[in-house]
Amino acid sequence: MGFAAAFGVPTGTNVIWENQDGEPHTVISLTGDFRSQALDEKDRFSHQFDKPGTYKYICSIHPKMVGTIKVVAK
């Protein structure tokens, strides 16, 4: 089963991902803007988005898990 998420945030936002699953996951930008290591349960990864744009990411362990962050100017 896949997972998809989309969020909109203003520039300067620090987005935090927290793994709340018993399986490890990663947060990998498709354009190379950010990359987490494998996150075990309750581990966190954060990235600050300073430029407007659309940032797509996946879990490299579970490639059907995808997400999008849409960053808009303040």
Protein backbone atom coordinates (compact mmCIF):
# COMPACT_ATOMS: atom_id res chain seq x y z
CA MET A 1 0.00 0.00 0.00
CA GLY A 2 1.31 3.46 -0.88
CA PHE A 3 1.14 6.71 1.01
CA ALA A 4 0.95 10.23 -0.40
CA ALA A 5 0.99 13.56 1.40
CA ALA A 6 0.97 17.18 0.24
CA PHE A 7 1.58 20.24 2.40
CA GLY A 8 1.83 23.97 1.76
CA VAL A 9 4.13 26.18 3.85
CA PRO A 10 5.57 29.72 3.66
CA THR A 11 9.27 30.28 2.97
CA GLY A 12 11.46 29.95 6.05
CA THR A 13 9.43 27.07 7.47
CA ASN A 14 11.32 24.24 9.16
CA VAL A 15 9.42 21.03 8.33
CA ILE A 16 9.92 18.11 10.71
CA TRP A 17 9.19 14.51 9.76
CA GLU A 18 8.83 12.00 12.60
CA ASN A 19 8.64 8.28 12.00
CA GLN A 20 5.68 6.98 14.01
CA ASP A 21 5.88 3.52 12.47
CA GLY A 22 7.71 0.38 13.60
CA GLU A 23 9.35 0.18 10.16
CA PRO A 24 12.35 2.36 9.17
CA HIS A 25 11.71 5.14 6.62
CA THR A 26 13.70 7.80 4.78
CA VAL A 27 12.87 11.28 3.45
CA ILE A 28 14.61 11.75 0.10
CA SER A 29 14.10 14.79 -2.16
CA LEU A 30 13.73 13.84 -5.83
CA THR A 31 15.91 16.84 -6.77
CA GLY A 32 18.62 16.29 -4.15
CA ASP A 33 17.62 19.24 -1.93
CA PHE A 34 17.45 17.12 1.25
CA ARG A 35 18.07 13.54 2.32
CA SER A 36 17.58 11.80 5.65
CA GLN A 37 19.24 8.68 6.89
CA ALA A 38 16.98 5.74 7.78
CA LEU A 39 14.67 6.88 10.55
CA ASP A 40 13.68 4.34 13.16
CA GLU A 41 10.50 4.73 15.19
CA LYS A 42 10.35 8.18 16.89
CA ASP A 43 13.42 9.43 14.99
CA ARG A 44 13.08 12.86 13.38
CA PHE A 45 14.45 14.66 10.34
CA SER A 46 14.01 18.35 9.56
CA HIS A 47 14.66 20.67 6.64
CA GLN A 48 14.18 24.43 6.35
CA PHE A 49 12.56 25.58 3.10
CA ASP A 50 13.96 29.00 2.17
CA LYS A 51 13.00 29.14 -1.52
CA PRO A 52 9.52 28.98 -3.06
CA GLY A 53 8.83 25.90 -5.15
CA THR A 54 7.42 22.41 -5.19
CA TYR A 55 9.55 19.79 -3.47
CA LYS A 56 8.69 16.13 -4.05
CA TYR A 57 10.11 13.40 -1.84
CA ILE A 58 9.95 9.64 -1.34
CA CYS A 59 10.88 6.97 1.17
CA SER A 60 13.73 5.10 -0.54
CA ILE A 61 12.88 1.97 1.46
CA HIS A 62 9.21 2.12 0.42
CA PRO A 63 9.15 4.00 -2.94
CA LYS A 64 5.33 4.05 -3.07
CA MET A 65 5.43 6.39 -0.07
CA VAL A 66 5.62 9.87 -1.61
CA GLY A 67 4.99 13.43 -0.55
CA THR A 68 5.06 17.02 -1.78
CA ILE A 69 5.89 20.23 0.03
CA LYS A 70 4.68 23.40 -1.73
CA VAL A 71 6.61 26.44 -0.52
CA VAL A 72 5.17 29.91 -1.18
CA ALA A 73 6.74 33.32 -0.56
CA LYS A 74 5.62 34.99 2.67
